[in-house]
Amino acid sequence: MAINWTMIYKKYKGKWVALKSDEKTVVASGINAKTAYEKAVNGGFRNPILSYVPAKLMSRIGLIHAV
């Protein structure tokens, strides 16, 4: 099932977020992954999911392949 991150994008664009295991509840954020993680752990969340919220959404066309 898809998760709607519209509100997360609006509030946290350009930042890293630490999420609960439900993948939609933000428990911390920061300018980098380390900061978001440390804030989450200090707030009592042992295993947050980290994700970067892009500053601008862009469409991608074409193949993506590993080198």
N, C-alpha and C. Protein backbone atom coordinates (compact mmCIF):
# COMPACT_ATOMS: atom_id res chain seq x y z
N MET A 1 0.84 -1.18 0.00
CA MET A 1 0.00 0.00 0.00
C MET A 1 0.89 1.25 0.00
N ALA A 2 0.57 2.18 -0.83
CA ALA A 2 1.33 3.43 -0.94
C ALA A 2 1.08 4.32 0.27
N ILE A 3 2.11 5.04 0.67
CA ILE A 3 2.00 5.98 1.79
C ILE A 3 2.04 7.40 1.24
N ASN A 4 1.11 8.22 1.67
CA ASN A 4 1.04 9.60 1.21
C ASN A 4 1.99 10.46 2.07
N TRP A 5 3.05 10.93 1.45
CA TRP A 5 4.04 11.76 2.15
C TRP A 5 3.88 13.25 1.81
N THR A 6 2.73 13.65 1.32
CA THR A 6 2.52 15.04 0.91
C THR A 6 2.81 16.02 2.04
N MET A 7 2.28 15.77 3.22
CA MET A 7 2.49 16.69 4.34
C MET A 7 3.95 16.65 4.82
N ILE A 8 4.56 15.47 4.77
CA ILE A 8 5.98 15.36 5.15
C ILE A 8 6.82 16.17 4.17
N TYR A 9 6.52 16.04 2.87
CA TYR A 9 7.27 16.80 1.86
C TYR A 9 7.13 18.30 2.10
N LYS A 10 5.92 18.77 2.34
CA LYS A 10 5.70 20.21 2.53
C LYS A 10 6.46 20.76 3.72
N LYS A 11 6.52 19.99 4.79
CA LYS A 11 7.15 20.47 6.03
C LYS A 11 8.66 20.25 6.08
N TYR A 12 9.14 19.18 5.45
CA TYR A 12 10.54 18.78 5.62
C TYR A 12 11.37 18.78 4.34
N LYS A 13 10.92 19.42 3.27
CA LYS A 13 11.67 19.35 2.02
C LYS A 13 13.09 19.90 2.21
N GLY A 14 14.04 19.15 1.64
CA GLY A 14 15.45 19.51 1.75
C GLY A 14 16.10 19.03 3.03
N LYS A 15 15.40 18.22 3.83
CA LYS A 15 15.94 17.73 5.10
C LYS A 15 15.90 16.21 5.16
N TRP A 16 16.62 15.67 6.12
CA TRP A 16 16.55 14.26 6.45
C TRP A 16 15.51 14.09 7.54
N VAL A 17 14.73 13.01 7.46
CA VAL A 17 13.76 12.72 8.50
C VAL A 17 14.01 11.33 9.06
N ALA A 18 13.70 11.18 10.34
CA ALA A 18 13.73 9.89 11.02
C ALA A 18 12.27 9.52 11.27
N LEU A 19 11.90 8.32 10.83
CA LEU A 19 10.51 7.89 10.89
C LEU A 19 10.34 6.70 11.83
N LYS A 20 9.13 6.59 12.40
CA LYS A 20 8.77 5.39 13.15
C LYS A 20 8.60 4.24 12.15
N SER A 21 8.41 3.04 12.65
CA SER A 21 8.29 1.87 11.78
C SER A 21 7.04 1.90 10.90
N ASP A 22 6.08 2.78 11.20
CA ASP A 22 4.89 2.90 10.33
C ASP A 22 5.22 3.63 9.02
N GLU A 23 6.44 4.16 8.92
CA GLU A 23 6.97 4.86 7.74
C GLU A 23 6.23 6.15 7.40
N LYS A 24 5.48 6.70 8.35
CA LYS A 24 4.80 7.97 8.07
C LYS A 24 4.81 8.94 9.24
N THR A 25 5.28 8.50 10.40
CA THR A 25 5.35 9.37 11.57
C THR A 25 6.78 9.85 11.75
N VAL A 26 6.99 11.17 11.58
CA VAL A 26 8.31 11.77 11.73
C VAL A 26 8.59 11.97 13.22
N VAL A 27 9.73 11.43 13.68
CA VAL A 27 10.11 11.58 15.09
C VAL A 27 11.26 12.56 15.26
N ALA A 28 11.96 12.87 14.15
CA ALA A 28 13.05 13.85 14.20
C ALA A 28 13.41 14.25 12.77
N SER A 29 14.10 15.37 12.64
CA SER A 29 14.59 15.81 11.33
C SER A 29 15.90 16.56 11.52
N GLY A 30 16.62 16.72 10.43
CA GLY A 30 17.88 17.45 10.50
C GLY A 30 18.42 17.74 9.12
N ILE A 31 19.51 18.53 9.08
CA ILE A 31 20.10 18.90 7.80
C ILE A 31 20.92 17.75 7.21
N ASN A 32 21.23 16.74 8.04
CA ASN A 32 21.91 15.55 7.54
C ASN A 32 21.38 14.33 8.28
N ALA A 33 21.72 13.15 7.77
CA ALA A 33 21.19 11.90 8.34
C ALA A 33 21.65 11.70 9.77
N LYS A 34 22.89 12.05 10.06
CA LYS A 34 23.44 11.86 11.41
C LYS A 34 22.66 12.67 12.43
N THR A 35 22.36 13.91 12.11
CA THR A 35 21.61 14.77 13.03
C THR A 35 20.21 14.22 13.27
N ALA A 36 19.52 13.83 12.22
CA ALA A 36 18.17 13.28 12.35
C ALA A 36 18.20 12.01 13.19
N TYR A 37 19.18 11.15 12.93
CA TYR A 37 19.30 9.90 13.68
C TYR A 37 19.57 10.16 15.16
N GLU A 38 20.52 11.02 15.45
CA GLU A 38 20.86 11.30 16.84
C GLU A 38 19.68 11.92 17.60
N LYS A 39 18.94 12.81 16.96
CA LYS A 39 17.77 13.40 17.60
C LYS A 39 16.72 12.32 17.90
N ALA A 40 16.52 11.41 16.96
CA ALA A 40 15.54 10.33 17.16
C ALA A 40 15.95 9.42 18.30
N VAL A 41 17.21 9.01 18.32
CA VAL A 41 17.70 8.12 19.37
C VAL A 41 17.64 8.82 20.73
N ASN A 42 18.03 10.08 20.78
CA ASN A 42 17.96 10.84 22.04
C ASN A 42 16.51 11.03 22.49
N GLY A 43 15.57 10.96 21.57
CA GLY A 43 14.15 11.07 21.89
C GLY A 43 13.51 9.74 22.25
N GLY A 44 14.32 8.68 22.28
CA GLY A 44 13.82 7.38 22.71
C GLY A 44 13.47 6.41 21.61
N PHE A 45 13.78 6.75 20.35
CA PHE A 45 13.47 5.85 19.23
C PHE A 45 14.75 5.12 18.83
N ARG A 46 14.78 3.81 19.08
CA ARG A 46 16.01 3.04 18.92
C ARG A 46 16.39 2.74 17.47
N ASN A 47 15.43 2.47 16.62
CA ASN A 47 15.72 2.08 15.24
C ASN A 47 14.89 2.88 14.24
N PRO A 48 15.14 4.18 14.14
CA PRO A 48 14.34 4.97 13.19
C PRO A 48 14.71 4.64 11.75
N ILE A 49 13.77 4.87 10.87
CA ILE A 49 14.00 4.74 9.43
C ILE A 49 14.41 6.13 8.94
N LEU A 50 15.53 6.22 8.26
CA LEU A 50 16.00 7.52 7.76
C LEU A 50 15.68 7.66 6.28
N SER A 51 15.25 8.86 5.92
CA SER A 51 14.95 9.15 4.52
C SER A 51 15.21 10.62 4.23
N TYR A 52 15.72 10.88 3.03
CA TYR A 52 15.93 12.26 2.60
C TYR A 52 14.69 12.73 1.85
N VAL A 53 14.21 13.91 2.19
CA VAL A 53 13.06 14.51 1.50
C VAL A 53 13.64 15.53 0.52
N PRO A 54 13.53 15.27 -0.78
CA PRO A 54 14.16 16.18 -1.75
C PRO A 54 13.59 17.60 -1.68
N ALA A 55 14.44 18.56 -1.96
CA ALA A 55 14.02 19.96 -1.93
C ALA A 55 13.07 20.26 -3.09
N LYS A 56 13.23 19.53 -4.19
CA LYS A 56 12.39 19.74 -5.36
C LYS A 56 12.08 18.38 -5.98
N LEU A 57 10.82 18.16 -6.30
CA LEU A 57 10.44 16.91 -6.95
C LEU A 57 10.70 17.02 -8.44
N MET A 58 11.32 15.98 -9.00
CA MET A 58 11.65 16.00 -10.42
C MET A 58 11.23 14.68 -11.05
N SER A 59 10.74 14.75 -12.27
CA SER A 59 10.41 13.55 -13.02
C SER A 59 11.68 12.99 -13.65
N ARG A 60 11.74 11.69 -13.75
CA ARG A 60 12.88 11.05 -14.40
C ARG A 60 12.35 10.22 -15.56
N ILE A 61 13.03 10.35 -16.70
CA ILE A 61 12.65 9.61 -17.89
C ILE A 61 13.87 8.88 -18.39
N GLY A 62 13.70 7.62 -18.70
CA GLY A 62 14.83 6.84 -19.24
C GLY A 62 15.21 5.72 -18.30
N LEU A 63 16.23 4.99 -18.70
CA LEU A 63 16.69 3.86 -17.92
C LEU A 63 17.71 4.29 -16.89
N ILE A 64 17.64 3.66 -15.75
CA ILE A 64 18.65 3.85 -14.72
C ILE A 64 19.34 2.50 -14.58
N HIS A 65 20.65 2.50 -14.71
CA HIS A 65 21.37 1.23 -14.62
C HIS A 65 22.61 1.40 -13.75
N ALA A 66 23.01 0.29 -13.17
CA ALA A 66 24.21 0.31 -12.32
C ALA A 66 25.45 0.25 -13.20
N VAL A 67 26.49 0.86 -12.72
CA VAL A 67 27.77 0.86 -13.46
C VAL A 67 28.61 -0.28 -12.98
